[in-house]
């Protein structure tokens, strides 16, 4: 009696994998971190690419590597890399105005 049960199990597993394959193949959708959409409405934030472009004009050959958002102050901290050193640039998220930087 164990043999038929084992055979059913062995036939069931590949069938389940075939059914699950389309959902596993779906591209991962990027979503904003929790609270960012609310902050964008509350702060009336500029789009991040626009803020980054403003900072890039100041940073010359430094490479942009990421950003953080302080939801309470509506300030973006943009991270740039130049000659192995990280530079943090603070930008006002509402106006895009340069606020200052730390690092070389």
C-alpha atoms as a PDB file:
ATOM      1  CA  UNK A   1       0.000   0.000   0.000  1.00  0.00           C
ATOM      2  CA  UNK A   2       2.938   2.349   0.526  1.00  0.00           C
ATOM      3  CA  UNK A   3       4.041   2.041  -3.100  1.00  0.00           C
ATOM      4  CA  UNK A   4       0.909   3.661  -4.664  1.00  0.00           C
ATOM      5  CA  UNK A   5       0.991   6.516  -2.148  1.00  0.00           C
ATOM      6  CA  UNK A   6       4.630   7.157  -2.917  1.00  0.00           C
ATOM      7  CA  UNK A   7       3.909   7.090  -6.649  1.00  0.00           C
ATOM      8  CA  UNK A   8       1.082   9.632  -6.249  1.00  0.00           C
ATOM      9  CA  UNK A   9       3.388  11.888  -4.281  1.00  0.00           C
ATOM     10  CA  UNK A  10       6.120  11.667  -6.921  1.00  0.00           C
ATOM     11  CA  UNK A  11       3.601  12.556  -9.626  1.00  0.00           C
ATOM     12  CA  UNK A  12       2.092  15.394  -7.588  1.00  0.00           C
ATOM     13  CA  UNK A  13       5.327  17.309  -6.894  1.00  0.00           C
ATOM     14  CA  UNK A  14       6.262  17.998 -10.554  1.00  0.00           C
ATOM     15  CA  UNK A  15       2.653  19.013 -11.228  1.00  0.00           C
ATOM     16  CA  UNK A  16       2.759  21.562  -8.419  1.00  0.00           C
ATOM     17  CA  UNK A  17       6.055  22.938  -9.680  1.00  0.00           C
ATOM     18  CA  UNK A  18       4.589  23.399 -13.159  1.00  0.00           C
ATOM     19  CA  UNK A  19       1.656  25.305 -11.677  1.00  0.00           C
ATOM     20  CA  UNK A  20       3.912  27.478  -9.508  1.00  0.00           C
ATOM     21  CA  UNK A  21       6.465  28.251 -12.238  1.00  0.00           C
ATOM     22  CA  UNK A  22       4.570  31.171 -13.869  1.00  0.00           C
ATOM     23  CA  UNK A  23       4.218  32.994 -10.554  1.00  0.00           C
ATOM     24  CA  UNK A  24       7.890  32.415  -9.746  1.00  0.00           C
ATOM     25  CA  UNK A  25       8.903  33.838 -13.105  1.00  0.00           C
ATOM     26  CA  UNK A  26       7.111  37.171 -12.560  1.00  0.00           C
ATOM     27  CA  UNK A  27       9.476  40.145 -12.406  1.00  0.00           C
ATOM     28  CA  UNK A  28       9.996  41.670  -9.001  1.00  0.00           C
ATOM     29  CA  UNK A  29       8.232  45.001  -8.733  1.00  0.00           C
ATOM     30  CA  UNK A  30      10.014  47.757  -6.876  1.00  0.00           C
ATOM     31  CA  UNK A  31       7.897  49.471  -4.314  1.00  0.00           C
ATOM     32  CA  UNK A  32       8.561  52.533  -2.256  1.00  0.00           C
ATOM     33  CA  UNK A  33       9.443  51.963   1.364  1.00  0.00           C
ATOM     34  CA  UNK A  34       6.505  52.241   3.763  1.00  0.00           C
ATOM     35  CA  UNK A  35       5.633  55.843   4.446  1.00  0.00           C
ATOM     36  CA  UNK A  36       7.386  57.313   1.401  1.00  0.00           C
ATOM     37  CA  UNK A  37       4.184  57.869  -0.571  1.00  0.00           C
ATOM     38  CA  UNK A  38       2.580  59.575   2.423  1.00  0.00           C
ATOM     39  CA  UNK A  39       5.686  61.712   2.880  1.00  0.00           C
ATOM     40  CA  UNK A  40       5.632  62.637  -0.791  1.00  0.00           C
ATOM     41  CA  UNK A  41       2.065  63.869  -0.412  1.00  0.00           C
ATOM     42  CA  UNK A  42       2.713  65.611   2.915  1.00  0.00           C
ATOM     43  CA  UNK A  43       6.035  67.180   1.938  1.00  0.00           C
ATOM     44  CA  UNK A  44       5.254  67.599  -1.734  1.00  0.00           C
ATOM     45  CA  UNK A  45       8.607  66.014  -2.511  1.00  0.00           C
ATOM     46  CA  UNK A  46      10.293  66.483  -5.817  1.00  0.00           C
ATOM     47  CA  UNK A  47      10.936  63.227  -7.685  1.00  0.00           C
ATOM     48  CA  UNK A  48      14.210  61.663  -6.561  1.00  0.00           C
ATOM     49  CA  UNK A  49      15.793  61.729 -10.064  1.00  0.00           C
ATOM     50  CA  UNK A  50      15.266  65.505 -10.188  1.00  0.00           C
ATOM     51  CA  UNK A  51      16.944  65.964  -6.793  1.00  0.00           C
ATOM     52  CA  UNK A  52      19.819  63.667  -7.792  1.00  0.00           C
ATOM     53  CA  UNK A  53      20.370  65.631 -11.016  1.00  0.00           C
ATOM     54  CA  UNK A  54      20.671  68.828  -8.979  1.00  0.00           C
ATOM     55  CA  UNK A  55      23.243  67.233  -6.682  1.00  0.00           C
ATOM     56  CA  UNK A  56      25.204  65.688  -9.569  1.00  0.00           C
ATOM     57  CA  UNK A  57      25.815  69.172 -10.965  1.00  0.00           C
ATOM     58  CA  UNK A  58      27.731  69.959  -7.742  1.00  0.00           C
ATOM     59  CA  UNK A  59      29.492  66.606  -7.415  1.00  0.00           C
ATOM     60  CA  UNK A  60      31.387  66.546 -10.707  1.00  0.00           C
ATOM     61  CA  UNK A  61      32.911  63.117 -11.360  1.00  0.00           C
ATOM     62  CA  UNK A  62      31.544  61.463  -8.185  1.00  0.00           C
ATOM     63  CA  UNK A  63      29.298  58.447  -8.748  1.00  0.00           C
ATOM     64  CA  UNK A  64      25.825  58.437  -7.168  1.00  0.00           C
ATOM     65  CA  UNK A  65      25.349  55.240  -5.143  1.00  0.00           C
ATOM     66  CA  UNK A  66      22.099  55.733  -3.259  1.00  0.00           C
ATOM     67  CA  UNK A  67      19.739  57.880  -1.238  1.00  0.00           C
ATOM     68  CA  UNK A  68      17.913  58.000   2.067  1.00  0.00           C
ATOM     69  CA  UNK A  69      14.905  60.108   2.944  1.00  0.00           C
ATOM     70  CA  UNK A  70      14.219  61.614   6.352  1.00  0.00           C
ATOM     71  CA  UNK A  71      10.435  61.586   6.268  1.00  0.00           C
ATOM     72  CA  UNK A  72      10.103  64.027   9.181  1.00  0.00           C
ATOM     73  CA  UNK A  73      12.313  66.767   7.726  1.00  0.00           C
ATOM     74  CA  UNK A  74      11.710  65.936   4.033  1.00  0.00           C
ATOM     75  CA  UNK A  75      15.480  65.935   3.444  1.00  0.00           C
ATOM     76  CA  UNK A  76      17.204  63.529   1.081  1.00  0.00           C
ATOM     77  CA  UNK A  77      20.691  62.339   1.989  1.00  0.00           C
ATOM     78  CA  UNK A  78      22.334  61.348  -1.274  1.00  0.00           C
ATOM     79  CA  UNK A  79      25.420  59.147  -1.242  1.00  0.00           C
ATOM     80  CA  UNK A  80      28.183  59.647  -3.769  1.00  0.00           C
ATOM     81  CA  UNK A  81      31.490  57.844  -4.230  1.00  0.00           C
ATOM     82  CA  UNK A  82      34.694  59.574  -5.326  1.00  0.00           C
ATOM     83  CA  UNK A  83      38.163  57.991  -5.194  1.00  0.00           C
ATOM     84  CA  UNK A  84      36.940  55.366  -2.709  1.00  0.00           C
ATOM     85  CA  UNK A  85      35.469  57.941  -0.312  1.00  0.00           C
ATOM     86  CA  UNK A  86      31.759  58.268   0.414  1.00  0.00           C
ATOM     87  CA  UNK A  87      30.285  61.762   0.317  1.00  0.00           C
ATOM     88  CA  UNK A  88      26.883  62.451   1.871  1.00  0.00           C
ATOM     89  CA  UNK A  89      24.992  65.338   0.311  1.00  0.00           C
ATOM     90  CA  UNK A  90      21.859  66.712   1.942  1.00  0.00           C
ATOM     91  CA  UNK A  91      19.208  68.115  -0.363  1.00  0.00           C
ATOM     92  CA  UNK A  92      15.849  69.662   0.480  1.00  0.00           C
ATOM     93  CA  UNK A  93      13.236  67.278  -0.882  1.00  0.00           C
ATOM     94  CA  UNK A  94      10.690  70.032  -1.527  1.00  0.00           C
ATOM     95  CA  UNK A  95      12.828  72.602  -3.339  1.00  0.00           C
ATOM     96  CA  UNK A  96      15.826  70.540  -4.454  1.00  0.00           C
ATOM     97  CA  UNK A  97      18.074  73.084  -2.710  1.00  0.00           C
ATOM     98  CA  UNK A  98      21.568  71.987  -1.641  1.00  0.00           C
ATOM     99  CA  UNK A  99      21.814  71.969   2.177  1.00  0.00           C
ATOM    100  CA  UNK A 100      25.358  70.739   2.741  1.00  0.00           C
ATOM    101  CA  UNK A 101      27.663  67.749   2.561  1.00  0.00           C
ATOM    102  CA  UNK A 102      29.899  65.556   4.657  1.00  0.00           C
ATOM    103  CA  UNK A 103      33.022  63.889   3.301  1.00  0.00           C
ATOM    104  CA  UNK A 104      35.434  64.811   0.536  1.00  0.00           C
END
